[in-house]
Structure formats: C-alpha cells, structure tokens
Amino acid sequence: MRSKKFLVTGGSGFLGHALINRLVQLPGCTVVAPLRNPDTTLAAGVRALMLKNLDGTNDWTLALAGVDVVVHSAARVHVMKEVAGDPLAAFRQVNVEATLNLARQAAACGVKRFIFISSIKVNGEGTKPGIAYRADDVPAPIDPYGVSKLEAEQGLMALTATTTMEVVIIRPVLVYGPGVKANFLSMMRWLYRGVPLPFGAVHNRRSLVALDNLVDLIVTCVEHPAAANQVFLASDDEDVSTTQLLRKLAAALGKPGRLLPIPSRLMTCLAVLLGKRALADRILGSLQVDISKNQQLLGWSPPVTLDQELVQTAQHFLDSRKS
C-alpha cells in the first residue's frame, strides 16, 4: 500500500482501536483519530483530536487536512434498553447527520475514499436457515438503528453523484475478538463459571465476523479499485448454531460447557411471556450472510478462521482475569 493519511472515527471503540493499530503498521501511513474519551490509549504516532460531541455541526477542517481516506466507525450503536424519548431522532443525529456532515467536508477537502462501517441490520433482523442476506439485496431495516444506518448509506451514495469522492459501505454481522464486550463477554463469563445454559439444542445458523477479519476487509477496501461505491457484507464465511458456538467457546476456555437440551420453541415462548422476544431472536434465530461478492470483486477471503479467533478471544479473557 502506498503511503496514506487516514482519519479514523470511533478510535476508542472495539473496532476503531484495532483498525488504528493495524493502519499505523503500514509503511508510511499516518492516522488522525478524533476522540470523545480523553483516557483512550492510542498507538504511538497517532494524532488525537478531542471532540465534545458527534453531530451535524462538527467542523472537521483541521482534522481532514491532507487526509486521503476516512474510515467512519463512530456511531450511536444499537441499545438494549433505550432511554431516548424519540429513538429514531437520536440515532439520526449521530448516524445520519454527523456522518453526512463529515462526508461532505471530506469531499470538499479532497478525500479520495470514505469507508462507512454500517450494519447488517440494514438488510434486516434475521434469515431463514440456508437463505443468506446478500450485499445487493433490497434493504429491509426494522428498528431505528437499522433505519438510521440505511439513511446514512443513501446519503453517502448520493454524494458520489456530485463529488469525486468514492464511498465504500461495509455491513458487519456480530463482531467478536479479543476484548469483546456485551453479550459475547457475558457468554464467556457464564461458560467460565460453569453455569448451566439452556442452549444445548439450538439448531439455528448464525454468521459472525472476527475482529481480525473485519479489519483486514477494511484495509483491503482502502485502495482496491473495485471497492469504489460498493456495498460489502462482512463475516467469517463460517456459519454456526448457538449450540456449536458455545461448545467451541467453552473448549477454547478449557471448560466443559454445561448446555441443557431445552427445545428452542419452549425458550421462545418463555421469552415472549417475559417480554424478551428480541433477545430470544438474537440467540435462537438465524442470521446468515453471503460474502461471495467480496471474493468476486476484491479477491478477499477471511484470513482468520472462527476457531482461531475464538482461541485468541478466550485467551484474552483468561489473561484479563489474571491481571
């Protein structure tokens, strides 16, 4: 890769931090990282710029000076317990208005390529087993988060018709890897403690994407000519059931994995009664993606296997318990 200057948003996040660490290793490449958390530790040589808020009013002039590529991973993410009175308006403020404000200024400053980290929720909330989402499917978002991401995508693609800046959109599925948080971390804690889990007979199919694979796909999209103005889905290209995933993760942790064979239909009924239908859909439902477009256009296949990343994820978890 030729020397480039990057602006990477979301540098304090799970993906942004890993991406910055990869980019600074590329010969001659430099990174500017706008941050809202002053306690974020960045790789040596990264230029940090503090932001109070991320919205449609930010002035990016100084941050964009000399930048070749923007990777925009900062977002208001999907939340389990929404507190905003108008969730869609709250998502739009960050995911649409802030994104398009940055993109317009990037185009005006001569940025060559804008890589937007979107979400598989633009495609929808789930698939039937064996029927995978494709990058060029008609979008069908359901929740405010997915709607906001689609609106941002549409605004970015409209910019390509009036500016010379190229846009690349990447929609990842669930991202996991060393340092993962949220539900994936909870699963590891349960397995580590030997808590019996009622997921021993779940026959769904889920696509996941290793952090290393997603970072590698982004780096590939930085200058590949065929990536311009395209949408790509991101996964490991290895689909597993929830039961298989928990067994693999337990093995990586060196634990037996106590999984009780409770029928999925029964668990779904109980979840509905408890008002947890959305959570049940994520654990028990299927969501598969087809990433053949990545291979066809970019010659890209995931360099890391599911098992390899699970081992690294589990080892990081075990090491963190020792410190």
Protein backbone atom coordinates (compact mmCIF):
# COMPACT_ATOMS: atom_id res chain seq x y z
CA MET A 1 0.00 0.00 0.00
CA ARG A 2 1.21 3.49 -0.86
CA SER A 3 1.70 6.00 1.95
CA LYS A 4 -1.62 7.44 3.07
CA LYS A 5 -3.06 9.65 5.74
CA PHE A 6 -6.18 8.31 7.45
CA LEU A 7 -8.85 9.81 9.62
CA VAL A 8 -10.48 7.10 11.72
CA THR A 9 -13.50 7.89 13.87
CA GLY A 10 -14.51 5.68 16.77
CA GLY A 11 -10.88 5.13 17.78
CA SER A 12 -11.81 4.38 21.38
CA GLY A 13 -14.20 1.62 20.30
CA PHE A 14 -13.64 -2.09 19.81
CA LEU A 15 -13.27 -1.91 16.03
CA GLY A 16 -11.74 1.56 15.70
CA HIS A 17 -8.94 0.83 18.17
CA ALA A 18 -7.98 -2.41 16.39
CA LEU A 19 -8.12 -0.75 12.99
CA ILE A 20 -5.83 2.10 14.06
CA ASN A 21 -3.31 -0.41 15.42
CA ARG A 22 -3.29 -2.12 12.02
CA LEU A 23 -3.06 1.06 9.96
CA VAL A 24 -0.08 2.51 11.84
CA GLN A 25 1.87 -0.63 10.97
CA LEU A 26 1.54 0.08 7.23
CA PRO A 27 4.69 1.70 5.80
CA GLY A 28 4.46 5.47 5.59
CA CYS A 29 0.86 5.65 6.81
CA THR A 30 -0.33 8.11 9.46
CA VAL A 31 -3.59 8.30 11.40
CA VAL A 32 -5.68 11.11 12.84
CA ALA A 33 -8.14 9.93 15.50
CA PRO A 34 -10.96 12.21 16.72
CA LEU A 35 -11.92 11.10 20.24
CA ARG A 36 -14.53 11.95 22.85
CA ASN A 37 -12.87 9.91 25.60
CA PRO A 38 -9.66 11.65 26.78
CA ASP A 39 -8.49 8.48 28.56
CA THR A 40 -8.20 6.50 25.31
CA THR A 41 -4.75 4.99 24.81
CA LEU A 42 -3.63 5.10 21.18
CA ALA A 43 -0.69 3.63 19.31
CA ALA A 44 2.47 5.70 19.15
CA GLY A 45 2.38 8.37 16.46
CA VAL A 46 -1.40 8.62 16.20
CA ARG A 47 -2.62 12.21 16.28
CA ALA A 48 -5.58 12.50 18.65
CA LEU A 49 -8.15 15.29 18.35
CA MET A 50 -10.75 15.80 21.08
CA LEU A 51 -14.44 16.13 20.22
CA LYS A 52 -17.13 17.22 22.66
CA ASN A 53 -19.96 15.69 20.67
CA LEU A 54 -20.54 13.92 17.39
CA ASP A 55 -23.36 15.56 15.44
CA GLY A 56 -24.10 17.51 12.30
CA THR A 57 -22.33 20.67 13.49
CA ASN A 58 -18.74 19.44 13.83
CA ASP A 59 -16.07 21.40 11.98
CA TRP A 60 -13.64 18.84 10.54
CA THR A 61 -11.39 21.27 8.67
CA LEU A 62 -8.24 20.77 10.76
CA ALA A 63 -8.74 17.02 11.15
CA LEU A 64 -9.16 16.49 7.39
CA ALA A 65 -6.09 18.42 6.28
CA GLY A 66 -4.09 16.17 3.94
CA VAL A 67 -6.28 13.12 4.63
CA ASP A 68 -6.58 10.56 1.83
CA VAL A 69 -9.04 8.10 3.37
CA VAL A 70 -11.71 8.42 6.07
CA VAL A 71 -12.90 5.31 7.91
CA HIS A 72 -16.04 6.24 9.82
CA SER A 73 -16.81 3.69 12.52
CA ALA A 74 -18.17 6.02 15.22
CA ALA A 75 -21.91 5.62 15.72
CA ARG A 76 -24.76 5.58 18.15
CA VAL A 77 -25.00 1.82 18.43
CA HIS A 78 -27.97 -0.44 18.91
CA VAL A 79 -29.01 -0.39 22.57
CA MET A 80 -30.97 -3.00 24.52
CA LYS A 81 -32.55 -0.53 26.97
CA GLU A 82 -33.48 2.59 25.02
CA VAL A 83 -33.88 5.75 27.12
CA ALA A 84 -34.36 8.33 24.37
CA GLY A 85 -37.87 9.68 24.03
CA ASP A 86 -37.54 9.57 20.24
CA PRO A 87 -35.05 6.79 19.42
CA LEU A 88 -35.06 7.38 15.67
CA ALA A 89 -34.27 11.08 16.11
CA ALA A 90 -31.42 10.20 18.49
CA PHE A 91 -29.98 7.68 16.02
CA ARG A 92 -30.35 10.10 13.12
CA GLN A 93 -28.47 12.86 14.92
CA VAL A 94 -25.31 10.74 15.16
CA ASN A 95 -25.62 8.08 12.48
CA VAL A 96 -27.05 10.22 9.70
CA GLU A 97 -26.46 13.92 10.33
CA ALA A 98 -22.96 13.54 11.76
CA THR A 99 -21.96 11.03 9.09
CA LEU A 100 -23.11 13.16 6.17
CA ASN A 101 -21.62 16.31 7.69
CA LEU A 102 -18.24 14.59 7.89
CA ALA A 103 -18.59 13.14 4.40
CA ARG A 104 -19.48 16.47 2.79
CA GLN A 105 -16.50 18.17 4.39
CA ALA A 106 -14.26 15.23 3.45
CA ALA A 107 -15.28 15.53 -0.19
CA ALA A 108 -14.68 19.29 -0.11
CA CYS A 109 -11.20 18.71 1.36
CA GLY A 110 -10.21 16.31 -1.42
CA VAL A 111 -10.52 13.00 0.47
CA LYS A 112 -10.33 10.22 -2.09
CA ARG A 113 -12.30 7.47 -0.33
CA PHE A 114 -14.82 7.35 2.53
CA ILE A 115 -15.32 3.94 4.15
CA PHE A 116 -18.51 3.72 6.19
CA ILE A 117 -18.99 0.98 8.76
CA SER A 118 -22.70 0.29 8.58
CA SER A 119 -24.60 -2.72 9.97
CA ILE A 120 -26.21 -5.94 8.81
CA LYS A 121 -29.38 -4.52 10.37
CA VAL A 122 -29.77 -2.55 7.14
CA ASN A 123 -30.59 -5.89 5.48
CA GLY A 124 -32.96 -6.95 8.26
CA GLU A 125 -33.20 -8.74 11.57
CA GLY A 126 -32.85 -12.37 10.56
CA THR A 127 -32.99 -15.03 7.87
CA LYS A 128 -34.43 -18.47 7.41
CA PRO A 129 -31.80 -21.22 7.74
CA GLY A 130 -29.99 -21.66 4.44
CA ILE A 131 -31.21 -18.35 2.97
CA ALA A 132 -28.49 -15.75 3.40
CA TYR A 133 -28.52 -11.99 3.01
CA ARG A 134 -26.56 -10.62 0.05
CA ALA A 135 -24.91 -7.25 -0.26
CA ASP A 136 -27.16 -6.19 -3.13
CA ASP A 137 -30.47 -7.31 -1.58
CA VAL A 138 -33.18 -4.68 -1.17
CA PRO A 139 -32.63 -3.24 2.35
CA ALA A 140 -35.29 -4.02 4.95
CA PRO A 141 -34.29 -2.45 8.29
CA ILE A 142 -36.77 -2.78 11.11
CA ASP A 143 -35.50 -0.90 14.14
CA PRO A 144 -34.45 2.79 14.38
CA TYR A 145 -30.76 1.87 14.42
CA GLY A 146 -31.02 -0.04 11.15
CA VAL A 147 -33.14 2.71 9.58
CA SER A 148 -30.57 5.36 10.54
CA LYS A 149 -27.72 3.33 9.05
CA LEU A 150 -29.63 2.89 5.78
CA GLU A 151 -30.36 6.61 5.58
CA ALA A 152 -26.66 7.34 6.09
CA GLU A 153 -25.77 4.88 3.31
CA GLN A 154 -28.24 6.51 0.94
CA GLY A 155 -26.88 9.97 1.71
CA LEU A 156 -23.31 8.82 1.12
CA MET A 157 -24.14 7.20 -2.20
CA ALA A 158 -25.89 10.38 -3.30
CA LEU A 159 -22.63 12.25 -2.66
CA THR A 160 -20.82 10.08 -5.19
CA ALA A 161 -23.00 11.57 -7.92
CA THR A 162 -21.98 15.15 -7.15
CA THR A 163 -18.37 14.79 -5.90
CA THR A 164 -15.23 12.88 -6.87
CA MET A 165 -15.01 11.11 -3.50
CA GLU A 166 -15.52 7.34 -3.60
CA VAL A 167 -17.63 5.60 -0.95
CA VAL A 168 -17.32 2.05 0.39
CA ILE A 169 -20.01 0.64 2.68
CA ILE A 170 -19.32 -2.37 4.90
CA ARG A 171 -22.10 -4.08 6.84
CA PRO A 172 -20.68 -6.38 9.52
CA VAL A 173 -22.58 -9.05 11.40
CA LEU A 174 -21.77 -9.58 15.11
CA VAL A 175 -18.09 -8.74 15.65
CA TYR A 176 -16.09 -10.75 18.19
CA GLY A 177 -12.44 -10.99 19.14
CA PRO A 178 -10.00 -10.25 21.97
CA GLY A 179 -11.52 -7.62 24.23
CA VAL A 180 -15.11 -8.10 23.04
CA LYS A 181 -17.81 -6.76 25.36
CA ALA A 182 -21.59 -7.01 25.71
CA ASN A 183 -23.40 -10.33 25.20
CA PHE A 184 -20.34 -12.19 23.93
CA LEU A 185 -18.43 -11.34 27.09
CA SER A 186 -21.41 -12.44 29.18
CA MET A 187 -21.39 -15.80 27.42
CA MET A 188 -17.71 -16.29 28.24
CA ARG A 189 -18.32 -15.44 31.88
CA TRP A 190 -21.15 -17.94 32.12
CA LEU A 191 -19.11 -20.68 30.49
CA TYR A 192 -16.06 -19.92 32.62
CA ARG A 193 -18.12 -20.17 35.81
CA GLY A 194 -19.72 -23.43 34.69
CA VAL A 195 -23.24 -22.01 34.71
CA PRO A 196 -25.68 -24.48 33.08
CA LEU A 197 -27.14 -22.84 29.98
CA PRO A 198 -30.37 -23.91 28.21
CA PHE A 199 -28.82 -23.80 24.73
CA GLY A 200 -27.90 -27.42 24.06
CA ALA A 201 -30.44 -27.99 21.31
CA VAL A 202 -30.45 -24.81 19.23
CA HIS A 203 -30.32 -25.60 15.50
CA ASN A 204 -30.16 -22.09 14.06
CA ARG A 205 -27.44 -20.72 11.75
CA ARG A 206 -25.53 -17.54 12.59
CA SER A 207 -22.82 -15.64 10.73
CA LEU A 208 -20.16 -13.92 12.83
CA VAL A 209 -17.12 -11.87 11.90
CA ALA A 210 -13.77 -11.97 13.67
CA LEU A 211 -12.32 -8.59 14.54
CA ASP A 212 -9.16 -9.50 12.61
CA ASN A 213 -11.21 -10.38 9.53
CA LEU A 214 -13.22 -7.17 9.61
CA VAL A 215 -10.07 -5.07 9.97
CA ASP A 216 -8.48 -6.95 7.08
CA LEU A 217 -11.52 -6.33 4.87
CA ILE A 218 -11.44 -2.61 5.67
CA VAL A 219 -7.73 -2.41 4.82
CA THR A 220 -8.42 -4.22 1.54
CA CYS A 221 -11.12 -1.67 0.72
CA VAL A 222 -8.78 1.28 1.35
CA GLU A 223 -7.43 1.31 -2.19
CA HIS A 224 -8.82 -1.64 -4.13
CA PRO A 225 -10.25 -0.06 -7.31
CA ALA A 226 -13.21 -2.44 -7.44
CA ALA A 227 -14.37 -1.40 -3.97
CA ALA A 228 -15.38 2.09 -5.09
CA ASN A 229 -19.06 2.87 -4.48
CA GLN A 230 -19.87 -0.69 -3.46
CA VAL A 231 -21.59 -2.36 -0.51
CA PHE A 232 -19.99 -5.38 1.14
CA LEU A 233 -21.14 -7.71 3.90
CA ALA A 234 -18.58 -8.91 6.43
CA SER A 235 -18.44 -12.36 8.01
CA ASP A 236 -16.08 -15.28 8.64
CA ASP A 237 -17.86 -17.28 5.94
CA GLU A 238 -18.44 -19.99 8.59
CA ASP A 239 -21.97 -20.27 9.94
CA VAL A 240 -22.62 -21.98 13.28
CA SER A 241 -25.55 -22.65 15.56
CA THR A 242 -25.68 -21.08 19.00
CA THR A 243 -25.05 -24.54 20.44
CA GLN A 244 -21.96 -25.06 18.28
CA LEU A 245 -20.63 -21.60 19.12
CA LEU A 246 -20.96 -22.15 22.87
CA ARG A 247 -19.28 -25.57 22.65
CA LYS A 248 -16.38 -24.11 20.66
CA LEU A 249 -16.04 -21.20 23.06
CA ALA A 250 -16.16 -23.47 26.11
CA ALA A 251 -13.41 -25.62 24.61
CA ALA A 252 -11.29 -22.53 23.95
CA LEU A 253 -11.76 -21.56 27.61
CA GLY A 254 -10.82 -25.05 28.75
CA LYS A 255 -14.26 -25.59 30.28
CA PRO A 256 -16.75 -28.44 29.77
CA GLY A 257 -19.67 -26.25 28.69
CA ARG A 258 -22.84 -27.33 30.51
CA LEU A 259 -25.54 -26.94 27.86
CA LEU A 260 -29.03 -28.23 28.63
CA PRO A 261 -31.05 -29.52 25.62
CA ILE A 262 -34.10 -27.29 26.08
CA PRO A 263 -36.21 -27.04 22.88
CA SER A 264 -35.89 -23.66 21.15
CA ARG A 265 -39.65 -23.37 20.75
CA LEU A 266 -40.15 -23.61 24.51
CA MET A 267 -37.47 -20.98 25.18
CA THR A 268 -39.04 -18.65 22.62
CA CYS A 269 -42.44 -18.97 24.30
CA LEU A 270 -40.93 -18.19 27.69
CA ALA A 271 -39.03 -15.22 26.27
CA VAL A 272 -42.24 -13.79 24.78
CA LEU A 273 -44.00 -14.12 28.14
CA LEU A 274 -41.11 -12.30 29.82
CA GLY A 275 -41.01 -9.54 27.19
CA LYS A 276 -37.63 -10.72 25.86
CA ARG A 277 -38.59 -11.67 22.32
CA ALA A 278 -35.82 -9.57 20.73
CA LEU A 279 -33.17 -11.24 22.89
CA ALA A 280 -34.53 -14.68 22.04
CA ASP A 281 -34.41 -13.87 18.33
CA ARG A 282 -30.72 -13.00 18.58
CA ILE A 283 -29.84 -16.16 20.47
CA LEU A 284 -32.22 -18.64 18.88
CA GLY A 285 -32.90 -17.19 15.42
CA SER A 286 -30.82 -17.43 12.27
CA LEU A 287 -28.91 -14.66 10.51
CA GLN A 288 -26.67 -15.70 7.63
CA VAL A 289 -24.82 -13.60 5.08
CA ASP A 290 -23.29 -14.43 1.72
CA ILE A 291 -19.90 -12.74 1.20
CA SER A 292 -19.20 -14.17 -2.26
CA LYS A 293 -19.21 -10.61 -3.65
CA ASN A 294 -16.08 -9.90 -1.58
CA GLN A 295 -14.22 -12.73 -3.29
CA GLN A 296 -15.53 -11.91 -6.75
CA LEU A 297 -14.77 -8.17 -6.71
CA LEU A 298 -11.88 -7.91 -4.24
CA GLY A 299 -10.34 -11.36 -4.27
CA TRP A 300 -10.86 -11.26 -0.49
CA SER A 301 -11.49 -14.20 1.79
CA PRO A 302 -11.33 -14.17 5.61
CA PRO A 303 -7.69 -14.78 6.65
CA VAL A 304 -8.64 -15.98 10.15
CA THR A 305 -10.90 -18.92 10.96
CA LEU A 306 -13.66 -18.91 13.54
CA ASP A 307 -11.76 -21.39 15.72
CA GLN A 308 -8.56 -19.34 15.58
CA GLU A 309 -10.30 -16.13 16.66
CA LEU A 310 -12.24 -17.90 19.40
CA VAL A 311 -8.97 -19.19 20.85
CA GLN A 312 -7.49 -15.67 20.83
CA THR A 313 -10.68 -14.24 22.33
CA ALA A 314 -10.75 -16.83 25.10
CA GLN A 315 -7.06 -16.37 25.86
CA HIS A 316 -7.51 -12.60 26.19
CA PHE A 317 -10.42 -13.22 28.55
CA LEU A 318 -8.36 -15.63 30.67
CA ASP A 319 -5.36 -13.28 30.75
CA SER A 320 -7.55 -10.38 31.85
CA ARG A 321 -8.71 -12.39 34.85
CA LYS A 322 -5.11 -12.83 35.99
CA SER A 323 -4.28 -9.11 35.92
